Amino acid sequence: MYFLANPTWLKQFQYPYTSAKDIPKSVFEEINQNLDSNISKDPIVSIVIAAWNEEVNILRCIASLSKLKSSIPFEIIVVNNNSTDQTQSTLDQLHIKSFFEKVQGCGPARQLGQENALGKYILMGDADCLYPDCWLDEMISILSQPEVVCVYGRYSFISEPGYPRWKLSIFELMKDIIAEFRHVNRPYFNAYGMSMGYLKEYGLKVGFIKINRRGEDGQLCLDLMKYGKIKQVKAKKARTWTGIRTLRLDGSISGALIIRLFKELKRFFYNLHSRLPENKKPEGKS
């Protein structure tokens, strides 16, 4: 874990632009050159991203994915979830697949993405995240194991003024410890769309929630428990990196930590018992 500073590889994707119209053509050309070298027409993995009003963030995200180092054929799909900014303009200039979902919500957007995916495996990402070049291989190395139907990765925050990396590192360490406890009986509480993968065959069977509600990622993970194992991808080098805007909503790192600890204490005993999808039992059991 990067305790004192952000990893240096992030810098190449932290473009200074504030709107799509500010992005020079040369930036698109460089990213597209990488995409053309890496994206396959016959993918085994489909990376599906939902984007709502992310005209610059989606550029950063795709730029990081364009530099994935993998021998596994993959494609990138971005679903524009009814954006009102220039997200579509950015997508139109990138050599990836894009679709438009007018029904607001990550659930409907991710559902459209998986319905158009060609890969056997689906990796979900978020438009405001950056991905290390080993991310795909590390995720698939676990997802392709026998009986595994869903995996989720860990994530870190990109430090900014007022949010030093050392404080964020402590916060992330505590978050990971809590995740270990939750994983035993309630792994779906750890499954976030910013770094999650599953077998498309089963994802299509259970589907995403069709309304504009948070938790579509965890709900999918819960529903997939019927078909097999849920595993964590713990490799430090495979951590997804994201901004701190969710922490800002809580006012500070300390505030965010207190809120999350209180939340975990409230459901401590709840987490001691496992839960299967409602009205569903593991196949082969009565």
Protein backbone atom coordinates (compact mmCIF):
# COMPACT_ATOMS: atom_id res chain seq x y z
CA MET A 1 0.00 0.00 0.00
CA TYR A 2 1.25 3.50 -0.79
CA PHE A 3 1.39 4.96 2.71
CA LEU A 4 2.86 8.41 2.09
CA ALA A 5 2.22 9.22 -1.57
CA ASN A 6 0.04 8.31 -4.52
CA PRO A 7 1.59 5.80 -6.94
CA THR A 8 3.51 7.57 -9.67
CA TRP A 9 1.66 5.78 -12.50
CA LEU A 10 -1.49 7.78 -11.68
CA LYS A 11 0.09 11.05 -12.85
CA GLN A 12 -0.10 10.21 -16.56
CA PHE A 13 -3.91 10.00 -16.34
CA GLN A 14 -4.61 13.03 -14.17
CA TYR A 15 -5.42 15.36 -17.03
CA PRO A 16 -6.04 19.01 -16.08
CA TYR A 17 -9.12 19.47 -18.28
CA THR A 18 -12.43 20.56 -16.79
CA SER A 19 -14.67 19.92 -19.79
CA ALA A 20 -14.72 17.77 -22.92
CA LYS A 21 -14.20 20.77 -25.21
CA ASP A 22 -10.82 21.42 -23.56
CA ILE A 23 -9.42 17.99 -24.44
CA PRO A 24 -6.98 18.25 -27.37
CA LYS A 25 -7.22 15.88 -30.29
CA SER A 26 -3.72 14.60 -29.58
CA VAL A 27 -4.88 13.13 -26.27
CA PHE A 28 -7.60 11.11 -27.98
CA GLU A 29 -5.14 9.97 -30.63
CA GLU A 30 -2.69 8.65 -28.06
CA ILE A 31 -5.39 6.81 -26.12
CA ASN A 32 -6.92 5.37 -29.28
CA GLN A 33 -3.55 4.13 -30.42
CA ASN A 34 -3.29 2.12 -27.19
CA LEU A 35 -6.88 0.93 -27.50
CA ASP A 36 -6.37 -0.24 -31.08
CA SER A 37 -3.37 -2.27 -29.95
CA ASN A 38 -5.16 -3.93 -27.04
CA ILE A 39 -8.87 -4.30 -27.72
CA SER A 40 -10.02 -7.57 -29.31
CA LYS A 41 -12.92 -8.27 -31.67
CA ASP A 42 -13.26 -11.70 -30.08
CA PRO A 43 -12.99 -10.92 -26.35
CA ILE A 44 -12.98 -13.30 -23.43
CA VAL A 45 -13.43 -10.41 -21.02
CA SER A 46 -15.83 -7.49 -21.34
CA ILE A 47 -15.09 -4.43 -19.20
CA VAL A 48 -18.41 -2.66 -18.60
CA ILE A 49 -18.60 0.88 -17.22
CA ALA A 50 -21.63 3.02 -16.44
CA ALA A 51 -21.11 6.77 -16.86
CA TRP A 52 -23.36 9.64 -15.81
CA ASN A 53 -22.04 13.17 -16.41
CA GLU A 54 -18.38 12.09 -16.49
CA GLU A 55 -17.15 13.88 -19.62
CA VAL A 56 -13.56 14.20 -18.34
CA ASN A 57 -13.40 11.42 -15.75
CA ILE A 58 -14.35 8.81 -18.35
CA LEU A 59 -11.39 9.94 -20.47
CA ARG A 60 -9.04 9.35 -17.54
CA CYS A 61 -10.63 5.98 -16.83
CA ILE A 62 -10.40 4.74 -20.42
CA ALA A 63 -6.85 6.05 -20.70
CA SER A 64 -5.84 3.84 -17.78
CA LEU A 65 -7.67 0.82 -19.21
CA SER A 66 -6.03 1.39 -22.58
CA LYS A 67 -2.72 0.48 -20.98
CA LEU A 68 -3.77 -2.84 -19.49
CA LYS A 69 -1.07 -5.48 -19.91
CA SER A 70 -2.74 -8.80 -20.60
CA SER A 71 -2.68 -11.69 -23.03
CA ILE A 72 -6.41 -12.18 -22.39
CA PRO A 73 -8.55 -10.70 -25.21
CA PHE A 74 -10.84 -7.96 -23.92
CA GLU A 75 -13.24 -5.25 -24.97
CA ILE A 76 -14.40 -2.04 -23.29
CA ILE A 77 -18.06 -1.02 -23.13
CA VAL A 78 -19.26 2.28 -21.67
CA VAL A 79 -22.96 2.90 -21.11
CA ASN A 80 -23.91 6.57 -21.10
CA ASN A 81 -26.59 6.68 -18.42
CA ASN A 82 -28.63 9.62 -19.69
CA SER A 83 -25.86 12.18 -19.18
CA THR A 84 -26.68 15.85 -19.62
CA ASP A 85 -23.08 16.98 -20.14
CA GLN A 86 -20.64 16.10 -22.94
CA THR A 87 -19.99 12.53 -21.86
CA GLN A 88 -21.25 11.21 -25.19
CA SER A 89 -18.96 13.56 -27.08
CA THR A 90 -15.98 12.11 -25.22
CA LEU A 91 -17.15 8.54 -25.88
CA ASP A 92 -17.68 9.21 -29.57
CA GLN A 93 -14.01 10.12 -29.93
CA LEU A 94 -12.72 6.95 -28.25
CA HIS A 95 -12.32 3.60 -30.01
CA ILE A 96 -14.57 1.68 -27.64
CA LYS A 97 -18.16 0.46 -27.70
CA SER A 98 -20.73 2.81 -26.19
CA PHE A 99 -24.46 2.57 -25.60
CA PHE A 100 -27.08 4.95 -24.26
CA GLU A 101 -29.45 4.02 -21.43
CA LYS A 102 -32.19 6.58 -20.81
CA VAL A 103 -33.47 4.92 -17.64
CA GLN A 104 -31.52 6.54 -14.83
CA GLY A 105 -29.58 4.28 -12.51
CA CYS A 106 -26.47 2.12 -12.49
CA GLY A 107 -28.63 -1.01 -12.48
CA PRO A 108 -30.30 -0.33 -15.83
CA ALA A 109 -27.00 0.92 -17.30
CA ARG A 110 -25.00 -2.11 -16.23
CA GLN A 111 -27.78 -4.41 -17.43
CA LEU A 112 -27.61 -2.89 -20.91
CA GLY A 113 -23.85 -3.28 -20.83
CA GLN A 114 -23.87 -6.96 -19.98
CA GLU A 115 -26.58 -7.67 -22.56
CA ASN A 116 -24.25 -6.31 -25.25
CA ALA A 117 -21.05 -7.86 -23.88
CA LEU A 118 -19.29 -10.52 -25.94
CA GLY A 119 -16.99 -11.88 -23.26
CA LYS A 120 -17.41 -14.92 -21.05
CA TYR A 121 -16.35 -12.81 -18.08
CA ILE A 122 -17.52 -9.32 -17.19
CA LEU A 123 -15.44 -6.87 -15.19
CA MET A 124 -17.27 -3.84 -13.88
CA GLY A 125 -15.60 -0.48 -13.44
CA ASP A 126 -16.60 3.07 -12.52
CA ALA A 127 -16.08 6.11 -14.71
CA ASP A 128 -14.22 8.04 -12.01
CA CYS A 129 -11.66 5.31 -11.27
CA LEU A 130 -8.16 4.57 -12.52
CA TYR A 131 -6.93 1.02 -13.08
CA PRO A 132 -3.40 -0.43 -12.81
CA ASP A 133 -2.11 -2.32 -15.83
CA CYS A 134 -2.33 -5.67 -14.00
CA TRP A 135 -5.97 -5.25 -12.93
CA LEU A 136 -7.56 -7.46 -15.57
CA ASP A 137 -5.14 -10.35 -15.09
CA GLU A 138 -5.38 -10.25 -11.30
CA MET A 139 -9.19 -10.23 -11.37
CA ILE A 140 -9.49 -13.02 -13.92
CA SER A 141 -6.88 -15.17 -12.18
CA ILE A 142 -9.35 -15.52 -9.29
CA LEU A 143 -12.59 -15.39 -11.26
CA SER A 144 -11.49 -18.26 -13.52
CA GLN A 145 -10.94 -20.62 -10.59
CA PRO A 146 -13.33 -23.61 -10.24
CA GLU A 147 -16.73 -22.81 -8.69
CA VAL A 148 -16.04 -19.06 -8.48
CA VAL A 149 -18.84 -16.97 -10.01
CA CYS A 150 -18.04 -13.50 -8.68
CA VAL A 151 -15.03 -11.56 -7.41
CA TYR A 152 -14.44 -8.11 -6.05
CA GLY A 153 -11.28 -6.10 -5.64
CA ARG A 154 -10.04 -3.55 -3.15
CA TYR A 155 -9.62 0.17 -3.71
CA SER A 156 -7.65 3.18 -2.52
CA PHE A 157 -8.23 6.92 -2.55
CA ILE A 158 -6.15 9.42 -4.49
CA SER A 159 -4.83 11.95 -1.99
CA GLU A 160 -5.50 15.66 -2.41
CA PRO A 161 -4.78 18.73 -0.27
CA GLY A 162 -6.51 18.22 3.06
CA TYR A 163 -6.64 14.47 2.53
CA PRO A 164 -3.04 13.25 3.03
CA ARG A 165 -2.12 9.78 1.84
CA TRP A 166 -1.04 8.58 5.28
CA LYS A 167 -4.48 9.30 6.74
CA LEU A 168 -6.16 7.69 3.77
CA SER A 169 -3.90 4.64 4.18
CA ILE A 170 -4.99 4.18 7.79
CA PHE A 171 -8.61 4.58 6.74
CA GLU A 172 -8.14 1.98 3.98
CA LEU A 173 -6.44 -0.47 6.34
CA MET A 174 -9.38 -0.35 8.72
CA LYS A 175 -11.77 -0.66 5.79
CA ASP A 176 -9.96 -3.79 4.60
CA ILE A 177 -10.08 -5.34 8.09
CA ILE A 178 -13.83 -4.79 8.23
CA ALA A 179 -14.14 -6.27 4.73
CA GLU A 180 -12.40 -9.45 5.91
CA PHE A 181 -14.97 -9.88 8.65
CA ARG A 182 -17.92 -9.19 6.36
CA HIS A 183 -16.64 -11.53 3.68
CA VAL A 184 -17.21 -14.63 5.82
CA ASN A 185 -21.00 -14.43 5.75
CA ARG A 186 -21.95 -11.30 3.83
CA PRO A 187 -19.45 -10.84 0.97
CA TYR A 188 -21.95 -8.79 -1.04
CA PHE A 189 -21.47 -5.91 1.40
CA ASN A 190 -17.93 -5.63 -0.01
CA ALA A 191 -18.85 -5.88 -3.69
CA TYR A 192 -18.59 -2.49 -5.38
CA GLY A 193 -19.00 -1.82 -9.09
CA MET A 194 -15.67 0.04 -9.21
CA SER A 195 -13.83 -3.31 -9.15
CA MET A 196 -15.97 -6.39 -9.53
CA GLY A 197 -16.18 -9.35 -11.91
CA TYR A 198 -18.53 -12.22 -12.63
CA LEU A 199 -19.46 -14.86 -15.16
CA LYS A 200 -21.77 -13.33 -17.74
CA GLU A 201 -23.81 -16.54 -18.00
CA TYR A 202 -25.01 -16.16 -14.43
CA GLY A 203 -25.15 -12.37 -14.50
CA LEU A 204 -27.71 -12.57 -17.29
CA LYS A 205 -29.74 -15.09 -15.31
CA VAL A 206 -30.11 -12.91 -12.23
CA GLY A 207 -29.92 -9.47 -13.87
CA PHE A 208 -29.43 -6.07 -12.30
CA ILE A 209 -32.09 -4.14 -10.45
CA LYS A 210 -34.11 -2.05 -12.91
CA ILE A 211 -34.69 1.04 -10.78
CA ASN A 212 -32.55 4.01 -9.80
CA ARG A 213 -31.27 2.72 -6.49
CA ARG A 214 -27.79 2.31 -5.06
CA GLY A 215 -26.54 -1.17 -4.25
CA GLU A 216 -27.06 -2.78 -7.65
CA ASP A 217 -23.55 -4.24 -7.40
CA GLY A 218 -24.05 -5.84 -3.99
CA GLN A 219 -27.48 -7.11 -5.00
CA LEU A 220 -26.00 -8.84 -8.03
CA CYS A 221 -23.31 -10.41 -5.86
CA LEU A 222 -25.95 -11.66 -3.42
CA ASP A 223 -28.01 -13.18 -6.22
CA LEU A 224 -24.92 -14.85 -7.71
CA MET A 225 -24.26 -16.71 -4.45
CA LYS A 226 -26.80 -19.25 -5.63
CA TYR A 227 -24.44 -20.39 -8.36
CA GLY A 228 -21.04 -20.54 -6.71
CA LYS A 229 -18.34 -18.89 -4.62
CA ILE A 230 -17.62 -15.21 -4.07
CA LYS A 231 -13.95 -14.34 -3.62
CA GLN A 232 -11.83 -11.29 -2.87
CA VAL A 233 -8.94 -10.16 -5.03
CA LYS A 234 -6.45 -9.05 -2.40
CA ALA A 235 -3.38 -8.27 -4.50
CA LYS A 236 -2.16 -4.80 -3.49
CA LYS A 237 -0.91 -4.05 -6.99
CA ALA A 238 -4.42 -4.63 -8.38
CA ARG A 239 -6.13 -2.00 -6.23
CA THR A 240 -8.41 0.42 -8.05
CA TRP A 241 -7.79 4.13 -7.38
CA THR A 242 -10.61 6.62 -7.02
CA GLY A 243 -11.16 10.24 -6.01
CA ILE A 244 -12.26 11.41 -2.59
CA ARG A 245 -15.65 12.88 -3.46
CA THR A 246 -17.50 10.27 -1.37
CA LEU A 247 -15.34 11.17 1.62
CA ARG A 248 -16.06 14.86 1.11
CA LEU A 249 -19.75 14.10 1.65
CA ASP A 250 -18.87 13.05 5.19
CA GLY A 251 -16.87 16.23 5.80
CA SER A 252 -13.49 14.66 6.60
CA ILE A 253 -11.59 11.39 6.82
CA SER A 254 -12.37 11.19 10.53
CA GLY A 255 -16.03 11.85 9.90
CA ALA A 256 -16.14 9.17 7.22
CA LEU A 257 -14.43 6.68 9.53
CA ILE A 258 -16.81 7.36 12.43
CA ILE A 259 -19.86 6.98 10.20
CA ARG A 260 -18.62 3.68 8.79
CA LEU A 261 -17.59 2.26 12.16
CA PHE A 262 -20.97 3.12 13.64
CA LYS A 263 -22.67 1.48 10.69
CA GLU A 264 -20.62 -1.69 11.13
CA LEU A 265 -21.30 -1.83 14.87
CA LYS A 266 -25.04 -1.64 14.21
CA ARG A 267 -24.91 -4.72 11.99
CA PHE A 268 -22.19 -6.64 13.86
CA PHE A 269 -24.41 -9.51 14.97
CA TYR A 270 -26.23 -9.41 11.65
CA ASN A 271 -22.94 -10.20 9.94
CA LEU A 272 -22.44 -13.30 12.06
CA HIS A 273 -25.09 -15.13 10.06
CA SER A 274 -24.98 -15.97 6.38
CA ARG A 275 -27.72 -15.12 3.95
CA LEU A 276 -28.68 -16.62 0.62
CA PRO A 277 -30.74 -14.83 -2.03
CA GLU A 278 -34.38 -14.54 -1.00
CA ASN A 279 -36.57 -17.38 -2.24
CA LYS A 280 -33.48 -19.13 -3.60
CA LYS A 281 -31.47 -22.11 -2.38
CA PRO A 282 -28.17 -23.46 -3.63
CA GLU A 283 -28.59 -25.73 -6.59
CA GLY A 284 -28.59 -29.40 -5.63
CA LYS A 285 -29.94 -28.71 -2.12
CA SER A 286 -33.49 -29.08 -0.94
